[in-house]
Amino acid sequence: MKVSKSNSRACWVLKCDVRKFFASIDHEKLIEIFKRHINDIETIWLVERIVESFQSTGLGKGLPLGNLTSQLLVNVYMNEFDQFVKHKLKRISY
């Protein structure tokens, strides 16, 4: 409602999907994100084991689709993108 000013203005929405998203997750980048936010070495060790237990499109790439841990991991991974869009690009209605 805020963007459309109580339906008095037209709004556009982009709905898209990242092709082969789970298959393209970079293991090194994902683990780096966790290390920036978590100081517990045992938790980092566990995350590394989980992430590195699967390869899809190449060495150090991909997470298993449908795996519950993968869903959590991609939320952490995509939070970096969300924060970039909201704070660096200043997209209020993102």
PDB file of N, CA and C in Angstrom:
ATOM      1  N   MET A   1       0.815  -1.185   0.000  1.00  0.00           N
ATOM      2  CA  MET A   1       0.000   0.000   0.000  1.00  0.00           C
ATOM      3  C   MET A   1       0.864   1.257   0.000  1.00  0.00           C
ATOM      4  N   LYS A   2       2.001   1.196   0.650  1.00  0.00           N
ATOM      5  CA  LYS A   2       2.852   2.371   0.747  1.00  0.00           C
ATOM      6  C   LYS A   2       3.359   2.810  -0.631  1.00  0.00           C
ATOM      7  N   VAL A   3       3.787   1.858  -1.434  1.00  0.00           N
ATOM      8  CA  VAL A   3       4.326   2.177  -2.754  1.00  0.00           C
ATOM      9  C   VAL A   3       3.238   2.708  -3.675  1.00  0.00           C
ATOM     10  N   SER A   4       2.061   2.103  -3.614  1.00  0.00           N
ATOM     11  CA  SER A   4       0.976   2.523  -4.505  1.00  0.00           C
ATOM     12  C   SER A   4       0.232   3.748  -3.993  1.00  0.00           C
ATOM     13  N   LYS A   5       0.636   4.237  -2.823  1.00  0.00           N
ATOM     14  CA  LYS A   5      -0.025   5.390  -2.198  1.00  0.00           C
ATOM     15  C   LYS A   5      -1.528   5.151  -2.110  1.00  0.00           C
ATOM     16  N   SER A   6      -1.867   4.071  -1.402  1.00  0.00           N
ATOM     17  CA  SER A   6      -3.269   3.655  -1.205  1.00  0.00           C
ATOM     18  C   SER A   6      -3.995   3.408  -2.526  1.00  0.00           C
ATOM     19  N   ASN A   7      -3.342   2.682  -3.397  1.00  0.00           N
ATOM     20  CA  ASN A   7      -3.879   2.301  -4.706  1.00  0.00           C
ATOM     21  C   ASN A   7      -4.165   3.488  -5.630  1.00  0.00           C
ATOM     22  N   SER A   8      -3.486   4.594  -5.438  1.00  0.00           N
ATOM     23  CA  SER A   8      -3.682   5.752  -6.311  1.00  0.00           C
ATOM     24  C   SER A   8      -2.605   5.847  -7.387  1.00  0.00           C
ATOM     25  N   ARG A   9      -1.668   4.925  -7.370  1.00  0.00           N
ATOM     26  CA  ARG A   9      -0.550   4.950  -8.300  1.00  0.00           C
ATOM     27  C   ARG A   9      -0.218   3.518  -8.724  1.00  0.00           C
ATOM     28  N   ALA A  10       0.141   3.347  -9.990  1.00  0.00           N
ATOM     29  CA  ALA A  10       0.489   2.019 -10.503  1.00  0.00           C
ATOM     30  C   ALA A  10       1.836   1.571  -9.945  1.00  0.00           C
ATOM     31  N   CYS A  11       1.946   0.279  -9.686  1.00  0.00           N
ATOM     32  CA  CYS A  11       3.188  -0.304  -9.198  1.00  0.00           C
ATOM     33  C   CYS A  11       3.558  -1.481 -10.090  1.00  0.00           C
ATOM     34  N   TRP A  12       4.830  -1.735 -10.184  1.00  0.00           N
ATOM     35  CA  TRP A  12       5.322  -2.874 -10.949  1.00  0.00           C
ATOM     36  C   TRP A  12       6.048  -3.823 -10.015  1.00  0.00           C
ATOM     37  N   VAL A  13       5.888  -5.112 -10.291  1.00  0.00           N
ATOM     38  CA  VAL A  13       6.519  -6.138  -9.477  1.00  0.00           C
ATOM     39  C   VAL A  13       7.305  -7.063 -10.392  1.00  0.00           C
ATOM     40  N   LEU A  14       8.519  -7.348 -10.010  1.00  0.00           N
ATOM     41  CA  LEU A  14       9.337  -8.313 -10.737  1.00  0.00           C
ATOM     42  C   LEU A  14       9.382  -9.595  -9.917  1.00  0.00           C
ATOM     43  N   LYS A  15       8.893 -10.658 -10.505  1.00  0.00           N
ATOM     44  CA  LYS A  15       8.960 -11.968  -9.861  1.00  0.00           C
ATOM     45  C   LYS A  15       9.899 -12.813 -10.713  1.00  0.00           C
ATOM     46  N   CYS A  16      10.937 -13.318 -10.086  1.00  0.00           N
ATOM     47  CA  CYS A  16      11.905 -14.092 -10.863  1.00  0.00           C
ATOM     48  C   CYS A  16      12.469 -15.231 -10.021  1.00  0.00           C
ATOM     49  N   ASP A  17      13.200 -16.078 -10.680  1.00  0.00           N
ATOM     50  CA  ASP A  17      13.805 -17.228 -10.045  1.00  0.00           C
ATOM     51  C   ASP A  17      15.246 -17.333 -10.533  1.00  0.00           C
ATOM     52  N   VAL A  18      16.149 -17.695  -9.650  1.00  0.00           N
ATOM     53  CA  VAL A  18      17.541 -17.880 -10.038  1.00  0.00           C
ATOM     54  C   VAL A  18      17.686 -19.309 -10.539  1.00  0.00           C
ATOM     55  N   ARG A  19      18.015 -19.438 -11.801  1.00  0.00           N
ATOM     56  CA  ARG A  19      18.135 -20.752 -12.427  1.00  0.00           C
ATOM     57  C   ARG A  19      19.246 -21.566 -11.760  1.00  0.00           C
ATOM     58  N   LYS A  20      18.904 -22.789 -11.397  1.00  0.00           N
ATOM     59  CA  LYS A  20      19.839 -23.727 -10.757  1.00  0.00           C
ATOM     60  C   LYS A  20      20.525 -23.100  -9.548  1.00  0.00           C
ATOM     61  N   PHE A  21      19.734 -22.394  -8.754  1.00  0.00           N
ATOM     62  CA  PHE A  21      20.277 -21.655  -7.615  1.00  0.00           C
ATOM     63  C   PHE A  21      21.034 -22.552  -6.637  1.00  0.00           C
ATOM     64  N   PHE A  22      20.397 -23.617  -6.167  1.00  0.00           N
ATOM     65  CA  PHE A  22      21.050 -24.495  -5.190  1.00  0.00           C
ATOM     66  C   PHE A  22      22.341 -25.088  -5.756  1.00  0.00           C
ATOM     67  N   ALA A  23      22.338 -25.397  -7.035  1.00  0.00           N
ATOM     68  CA  ALA A  23      23.512 -25.985  -7.681  1.00  0.00           C
ATOM     69  C   ALA A  23      24.662 -24.988  -7.818  1.00  0.00           C
ATOM     70  N   SER A  24      24.363 -23.698  -7.741  1.00  0.00           N
ATOM     71  CA  SER A  24      25.399 -22.686  -7.970  1.00  0.00           C
ATOM     72  C   SER A  24      25.976 -22.070  -6.698  1.00  0.00           C
ATOM     73  N   ILE A  25      25.510 -22.491  -5.534  1.00  0.00           N
ATOM     74  CA  ILE A  25      25.995 -21.911  -4.276  1.00  0.00           C
ATOM     75  C   ILE A  25      27.485 -22.187  -4.118  1.00  0.00           C
ATOM     76  N   ASP A  26      28.248 -21.141  -3.871  1.00  0.00           N
ATOM     77  CA  ASP A  26      29.696 -21.244  -3.696  1.00  0.00           C
ATOM     78  C   ASP A  26      30.004 -21.601  -2.236  1.00  0.00           C
ATOM     79  N   HIS A  27      30.597 -22.766  -2.024  1.00  0.00           N
ATOM     80  CA  HIS A  27      30.881 -23.253  -0.673  1.00  0.00           C
ATOM     81  C   HIS A  27      31.779 -22.290   0.106  1.00  0.00           C
ATOM     82  N   GLU A  28      32.842 -21.846  -0.519  1.00  0.00           N
ATOM     83  CA  GLU A  28      33.808 -20.972   0.156  1.00  0.00           C
ATOM     84  C   GLU A  28      33.150 -19.665   0.614  1.00  0.00           C
ATOM     85  N   LYS A  29      32.346 -19.085  -0.260  1.00  0.00           N
ATOM     86  CA  LYS A  29      31.656 -17.838   0.073  1.00  0.00           C
ATOM     87  C   LYS A  29      30.653 -18.048   1.212  1.00  0.00           C
ATOM     88  N   LEU A  30      29.919 -19.159   1.159  1.00  0.00           N
ATOM     89  CA  LEU A  30      28.933 -19.459   2.192  1.00  0.00           C
ATOM     90  C   LEU A  30      29.597 -19.630   3.556  1.00  0.00           C
ATOM     91  N   ILE A  31      30.689 -20.367   3.602  1.00  0.00           N
ATOM     92  CA  ILE A  31      31.402 -20.582   4.860  1.00  0.00           C
ATOM     93  C   ILE A  31      31.998 -19.268   5.369  1.00  0.00           C
ATOM     94  N   GLU A  32      32.477 -18.437   4.467  1.00  0.00           N
ATOM     95  CA  GLU A  32      33.003 -17.117   4.841  1.00  0.00           C
ATOM     96  C   GLU A  32      31.921 -16.271   5.521  1.00  0.00           C
ATOM     97  N   ILE A  33      30.712 -16.314   4.997  1.00  0.00           N
ATOM     98  CA  ILE A  33      29.587 -15.576   5.593  1.00  0.00           C
ATOM     99  C   ILE A  33      29.336 -16.064   7.015  1.00  0.00           C
ATOM    100  N   PHE A  34      29.314 -17.375   7.195  1.00  0.00           N
ATOM    101  CA  PHE A  34      29.097 -17.930   8.536  1.00  0.00           C
ATOM    102  C   PHE A  34      30.207 -17.503   9.493  1.00  0.00           C
ATOM    103  N   LYS A  35      31.435 -17.513   9.023  1.00  0.00           N
ATOM    104  CA  LYS A  35      32.568 -17.141   9.886  1.00  0.00           C
ATOM    105  C   LYS A  35      32.492 -15.686  10.329  1.00  0.00           C
ATOM    106  N   ARG A  36      31.884 -14.832   9.528  1.00  0.00           N
ATOM    107  CA  ARG A  36      31.745 -13.421   9.898  1.00  0.00           C
ATOM    108  C   ARG A  36      30.736 -13.223  11.028  1.00  0.00           C
ATOM    109  N   HIS A  37      29.805 -14.155  11.157  1.00  0.00           N
ATOM    110  CA  HIS A  37      28.718 -13.985  12.117  1.00  0.00           C
ATOM    111  C   HIS A  37      28.754 -14.960  13.295  1.00  0.00           C
ATOM    112  N   ILE A  38      29.502 -16.038  13.160  1.00  0.00           N
ATOM    113  CA  ILE A  38      29.544 -17.061  14.215  1.00  0.00           C
ATOM    114  C   ILE A  38      30.992 -17.267  14.654  1.00  0.00           C
ATOM    115  N   ASN A  39      31.228 -17.154  15.952  1.00  0.00           N
ATOM    116  CA  ASN A  39      32.591 -17.292  16.490  1.00  0.00           C
ATOM    117  C   ASN A  39      32.897 -18.678  17.032  1.00  0.00           C
ATOM    118  N   ASP A  40      31.892 -19.515  17.173  1.00  0.00           N
ATOM    119  CA  ASP A  40      32.074 -20.843  17.753  1.00  0.00           C
ATOM    120  C   ASP A  40      32.703 -21.788  16.733  1.00  0.00           C
ATOM    121  N   ILE A  41      33.917 -22.278  17.024  1.00  0.00           N
ATOM    122  CA  ILE A  41      34.642 -23.107  16.050  1.00  0.00           C
ATOM    123  C   ILE A  41      33.965 -24.450  15.789  1.00  0.00           C
ATOM    124  N   GLU A  42      33.276 -24.982  16.775  1.00  0.00           N
ATOM    125  CA  GLU A  42      32.588 -26.260  16.574  1.00  0.00           C
ATOM    126  C   GLU A  42      31.393 -26.103  15.634  1.00  0.00           C
ATOM    127  N   THR A  43      30.702 -24.990  15.746  1.00  0.00           N
ATOM    128  CA  THR A  43      29.580 -24.721  14.834  1.00  0.00           C
ATOM    129  C   THR A  43      30.098 -24.520  13.416  1.00  0.00           C
ATOM    130  N   ILE A  44      31.180 -23.772  13.282  1.00  0.00           N
ATOM    131  CA  ILE A  44      31.788 -23.561  11.957  1.00  0.00           C
ATOM    132  C   ILE A  44      32.239 -24.899  11.374  1.00  0.00           C
ATOM    133  N   TRP A  45      32.851 -25.737  12.197  1.00  0.00           N
ATOM    134  CA  TRP A  45      33.293 -27.059  11.747  1.00  0.00           C
ATOM    135  C   TRP A  45      32.111 -27.855  11.201  1.00  0.00           C
ATOM    136  N   LEU A  46      30.993 -27.845  11.932  1.00  0.00           N
ATOM    137  CA  LEU A  46      29.806 -28.584  11.517  1.00  0.00           C
ATOM    138  C   LEU A  46      29.252 -28.028  10.204  1.00  0.00           C
ATOM    139  N   VAL A  47      29.161 -26.715  10.096  1.00  0.00           N
ATOM    140  CA  VAL A  47      28.663 -26.096   8.863  1.00  0.00           C
ATOM    141  C   VAL A  47      29.571 -26.470   7.689  1.00  0.00           C
ATOM    142  N   GLU A  48      30.883 -26.435   7.896  1.00  0.00           N
ATOM    143  CA  GLU A  48      31.827 -26.824   6.832  1.00  0.00           C
ATOM    144  C   GLU A  48      31.604 -28.266   6.393  1.00  0.00           C
ATOM    145  N   ARG A  49      31.406 -29.186   7.338  1.00  0.00           N
ATOM    146  CA  ARG A  49      31.171 -30.600   7.000  1.00  0.00           C
ATOM    147  C   ARG A  49      29.895 -30.754   6.180  1.00  0.00           C
ATOM    148  N   ILE A  50      28.847 -30.059   6.600  1.00  0.00           N
ATOM    149  CA  ILE A  50      27.564 -30.147   5.895  1.00  0.00           C
ATOM    150  C   ILE A  50      27.698 -29.598   4.480  1.00  0.00           C
ATOM    151  N   VAL A  51      28.287 -28.404   4.365  1.00  0.00           N
ATOM    152  CA  VAL A  51      28.413 -27.750   3.060  1.00  0.00           C
ATOM    153  C   VAL A  51      29.303 -28.558   2.125  1.00  0.00           C
ATOM    154  N   GLU A  52      30.427 -29.018   2.617  1.00  0.00           N
ATOM    155  CA  GLU A  52      31.391 -29.727   1.772  1.00  0.00           C
ATOM    156  C   GLU A  52      31.012 -31.175   1.481  1.00  0.00           C
ATOM    157  N   SER A  53      29.923 -31.660   2.066  1.00  0.00           N
ATOM    158  CA  SER A  53      29.513 -33.050   1.849  1.00  0.00           C
ATOM    159  C   SER A  53      28.801 -33.240   0.516  1.00  0.00           C
ATOM    160  N   PHE A  54      28.567 -32.161  -0.203  1.00  0.00           N
ATOM    161  CA  PHE A  54      27.812 -32.243  -1.456  1.00  0.00           C
ATOM    162  C   PHE A  54      28.474 -31.379  -2.521  1.00  0.00           C
ATOM    163  N   GLN A  55      28.562 -31.903  -3.725  1.00  0.00           N
ATOM    164  CA  GLN A  55      29.057 -31.165  -4.889  1.00  0.00           C
ATOM    165  C   GLN A  55      28.048 -31.393  -6.014  1.00  0.00           C
ATOM    166  N   SER A  56      27.724 -30.362  -6.767  1.00  0.00           N
ATOM    167  CA  SER A  56      26.778 -30.589  -7.862  1.00  0.00           C
ATOM    168  C   SER A  56      27.356 -30.194  -9.203  1.00  0.00           C
ATOM    169  N   THR A  57      27.621 -28.919  -9.402  1.00  0.00           N
ATOM    170  CA  THR A  57      28.076 -28.460 -10.720  1.00  0.00           C
ATOM    171  C   THR A  57      29.585 -28.369 -10.819  1.00  0.00           C
ATOM    172  N   GLY A  58      30.277 -28.671  -9.758  1.00  0.00           N
ATOM    173  CA  GLY A  58      31.727 -28.616  -9.766  1.00  0.00           C
ATOM    174  C   GLY A  58      32.272 -28.588  -8.353  1.00  0.00           C
ATOM    175  N   LEU A  59      33.571 -28.661  -8.249  1.00  0.00           N
ATOM    176  CA  LEU A  59      34.234 -28.659  -6.956  1.00  0.00           C
ATOM    177  C   LEU A  59      33.910 -27.375  -6.202  1.00  0.00           C
ATOM    178  N   GLY A  60      33.388 -27.493  -4.992  1.00  0.00           N
ATOM    179  CA  GLY A  60      33.083 -26.337  -4.171  1.00  0.00           C
ATOM    180  C   GLY A  60      31.817 -25.606  -4.550  1.00  0.00           C
ATOM    181  N   LYS A  61      30.914 -26.277  -5.263  1.00  0.00           N
ATOM    182  CA  LYS A  61      29.655 -25.651  -5.700  1.00  0.00           C
ATOM    183  C   LYS A  61      28.472 -26.548  -5.393  1.00  0.00           C
ATOM    184  N   GLY A  62      27.399 -25.930  -4.937  1.00  0.00           N
ATOM    185  CA  GLY A  62      26.120 -26.614  -4.834  1.00  0.00           C
ATOM    186  C   GLY A  62      25.735 -27.115  -3.463  1.00  0.00           C
ATOM    187  N   LEU A  63      24.431 -27.134  -3.249  1.00  0.00           N
ATOM    188  CA  LEU A  63      23.825 -27.716  -2.051  1.00  0.00           C
ATOM    189  C   LEU A  63      22.693 -28.627  -2.510  1.00  0.00           C
ATOM    190  N   PRO A  64      22.404 -29.688  -1.743  1.00  0.00           N
ATOM    191  CA  PRO A  64      21.346 -30.605  -2.158  1.00  0.00           C
ATOM    192  C   PRO A  64      19.965 -29.953  -2.080  1.00  0.00           C
ATOM    193  N   LEU A  65      19.230 -30.037  -3.149  1.00  0.00           N
ATOM    194  CA  LEU A  65      17.886 -29.476  -3.217  1.00  0.00           C
ATOM    195  C   LEU A  65      16.953 -30.298  -2.338  1.00  0.00           C
ATOM    196  N   GLY A  66      16.145 -29.629  -1.510  1.00  0.00           N
ATOM    197  CA  GLY A  66      15.195 -30.324  -0.661  1.00  0.00           C
ATOM    198  C   GLY A  66      15.723 -30.678   0.716  1.00  0.00           C
ATOM    199  N   ASN A  67      17.023 -30.551   0.927  1.00  0.00           N
ATOM    200  CA  ASN A  67      17.617 -30.842   2.222  1.00  0.00           C
ATOM    201  C   ASN A  67      17.281 -29.695   3.188  1.00  0.00           C
ATOM    202  N   LEU A  68      16.836 -30.009   4.395  1.00  0.00           N
ATOM    203  CA  LEU A  68      16.455 -28.966   5.352  1.00  0.00           C
ATOM    204  C   LEU A  68      17.612 -28.030   5.688  1.00  0.00           C
ATOM    205  N   THR A  69      18.821 -28.573   5.822  1.00  0.00           N
ATOM    206  CA  THR A  69      19.966 -27.700   6.107  1.00  0.00           C
ATOM    207  C   THR A  69      20.247 -26.778   4.923  1.00  0.00           C
ATOM    208  N   SER A  70      20.014 -27.250   3.717  1.00  0.00           N
ATOM    209  CA  SER A  70      20.225 -26.414   2.524  1.00  0.00           C
ATOM    210  C   SER A  70      19.304 -25.199   2.549  1.00  0.00           C
ATOM    211  N   GLN A  71      18.083 -25.393   2.982  1.00  0.00           N
ATOM    212  CA  GLN A  71      17.131 -24.278   3.048  1.00  0.00           C
ATOM    213  C   GLN A  71      17.615 -23.215   4.025  1.00  0.00           C
ATOM    214  N   LEU A  72      18.122 -23.627   5.161  1.00  0.00           N
ATOM    215  CA  LEU A  72      18.668 -22.682   6.133  1.00  0.00           C
ATOM    216  C   LEU A  72      19.908 -21.991   5.555  1.00  0.00           C
ATOM    217  N   LEU A  73      20.789 -22.772   4.960  1.00  0.00           N
ATOM    218  CA  LEU A  73      22.044 -22.230   4.431  1.00  0.00           C
ATOM    219  C   LEU A  73      21.813 -21.204   3.321  1.00  0.00           C
ATOM    220  N   VAL A  74      20.853 -21.460   2.422  1.00  0.00           N
ATOM    221  CA  VAL A  74      20.611 -20.483   1.351  1.00  0.00           C
ATOM    222  C   VAL A  74      19.943 -19.223   1.882  1.00  0.00           C
ATOM    223  N   ASN A  75      19.181 -19.328   2.971  1.00  0.00           N
ATOM    224  CA  ASN A  75      18.630 -18.120   3.591  1.00  0.00           C
ATOM    225  C   ASN A  75      19.751 -17.236   4.129  1.00  0.00           C
ATOM    226  N   VAL A  76      20.738 -17.838   4.751  1.00  0.00           N
ATOM    227  CA  VAL A  76      21.906 -17.099   5.239  1.00  0.00           C
ATOM    228  C   VAL A  76      22.663 -16.502   4.050  1.00  0.00           C
ATOM    229  N   TYR A  77      22.856 -17.287   3.014  1.00  0.00           N
ATOM    230  CA  TYR A  77      23.580 -16.870   1.808  1.00  0.00           C
ATOM    231  C   TYR A  77      22.888 -15.685   1.129  1.00  0.00           C
ATOM    232  N   MET A  78      21.575 -15.783   0.943  1.00  0.00           N
ATOM    233  CA  MET A  78      20.834 -14.727   0.248  1.00  0.00           C
ATOM    234  C   MET A  78      20.602 -13.491   1.111  1.00  0.00           C
ATOM    235  N   ASN A  79      20.736 -13.613   2.418  1.00  0.00           N
ATOM    236  CA  ASN A  79      20.638 -12.442   3.277  1.00  0.00           C
ATOM    237  C   ASN A  79      21.688 -11.403   2.891  1.00  0.00           C
ATOM    238  N   GLU A  80      22.857 -11.851   2.476  1.00  0.00           N
ATOM    239  CA  GLU A  80      23.908 -10.922   2.026  1.00  0.00           C
ATOM    240  C   GLU A  80      23.419 -10.098   0.838  1.00  0.00           C
ATOM    241  N   PHE A  81      22.768 -10.752  -0.108  1.00  0.00           N
ATOM    242  CA  PHE A  81      22.230 -10.057  -1.277  1.00  0.00           C
ATOM    243  C   PHE A  81      21.119  -9.087  -0.863  1.00  0.00           C
ATOM    244  N   ASP A  82      20.215  -9.556  -0.006  1.00  0.00           N
ATOM    245  CA  ASP A  82      19.120  -8.711   0.468  1.00  0.00           C
ATOM    246  C   ASP A  82      19.650  -7.452   1.159  1.00  0.00           C
ATOM    247  N   GLN A  83      20.641  -7.624   2.013  1.00  0.00           N
ATOM    248  CA  GLN A  83      21.220  -6.480   2.717  1.00  0.00           C
ATOM    249  C   GLN A  83      21.886  -5.510   1.745  1.00  0.00           C
ATOM    250  N   PHE A  84      22.542  -6.039   0.724  1.00  0.00           N
ATOM    251  CA  PHE A  84      23.166  -5.202  -0.300  1.00  0.00           C
ATOM    252  C   PHE A  84      22.119  -4.352  -1.021  1.00  0.00           C
ATOM    253  N   VAL A  85      21.049  -4.981  -1.455  1.00  0.00           N
ATOM    254  CA  VAL A  85      19.995  -4.262  -2.184  1.00  0.00           C
ATOM    255  C   VAL A  85      19.359  -3.197  -1.299  1.00  0.00           C
ATOM    256  N   LYS A  86      19.073  -3.536  -0.054  1.00  0.00           N
ATOM    257  CA  LYS A  86      18.393  -2.597   0.834  1.00  0.00           C
ATOM    258  C   LYS A  86      19.293  -1.457   1.305  1.00  0.00           C
ATOM    259  N   HIS A  87      20.544  -1.769   1.635  1.00  0.00           N
ATOM    260  CA  HIS A  87      21.397  -0.745   2.258  1.00  0.00           C
ATOM    261  C   HIS A  87      22.356  -0.056   1.295  1.00  0.00           C
ATOM    262  N   LYS A  88      22.879  -0.772   0.331  1.00  0.00           N
ATOM    263  CA  LYS A  88      23.817  -0.147  -0.623  1.00  0.00           C
ATOM    264  C   LYS A  88      23.075   0.481  -1.801  1.00  0.00           C
ATOM    265  N   LEU A  89      22.092  -0.258  -2.341  1.00  0.00           N
ATOM    266  CA  LEU A  89      21.330   0.273  -3.473  1.00  0.00           C
ATOM    267  C   LEU A  89      20.160   1.144  -3.015  1.00  0.00           C
ATOM    268  N   LYS A  90      19.879   1.091  -1.710  1.00  0.00           N
ATOM    269  CA  LYS A  90      18.827   1.916  -1.100  1.00  0.00           C
ATOM    270  C   LYS A  90      17.442   1.679  -1.702  1.00  0.00           C
ATOM    271  N   ARG A  91      17.116   0.427  -1.982  1.00  0.00           N
ATOM    272  CA  ARG A  91      15.793   0.073  -2.513  1.00  0.00           C
ATOM    273  C   ARG A  91      14.850  -0.136  -1.346  1.00  0.00           C
ATOM    274  N   ILE A  92      14.010   0.809  -1.099  1.00  0.00           N
ATOM    275  CA  ILE A  92      13.110   0.776   0.051  1.00  0.00           C
ATOM    276  C   ILE A  92      12.044  -0.309  -0.101  1.00  0.00           C
ATOM    277  N   SER A  93      11.504  -0.457  -1.260  1.00  0.00           N
ATOM    278  CA  SER A  93      10.390  -1.395  -1.459  1.00  0.00           C
ATOM    279  C   SER A  93      10.831  -2.753  -1.955  1.00  0.00           C
ATOM    280  N   TYR A  94      12.056  -3.087  -1.714  1.00  0.00           N
ATOM    281  CA  TYR A  94      12.584  -4.373  -2.160  1.00  0.00           C
ATOM    282  C   TYR A  94      11.961  -5.487  -1.358  1.00  0.00           C
TER     283      TYR A  94
END
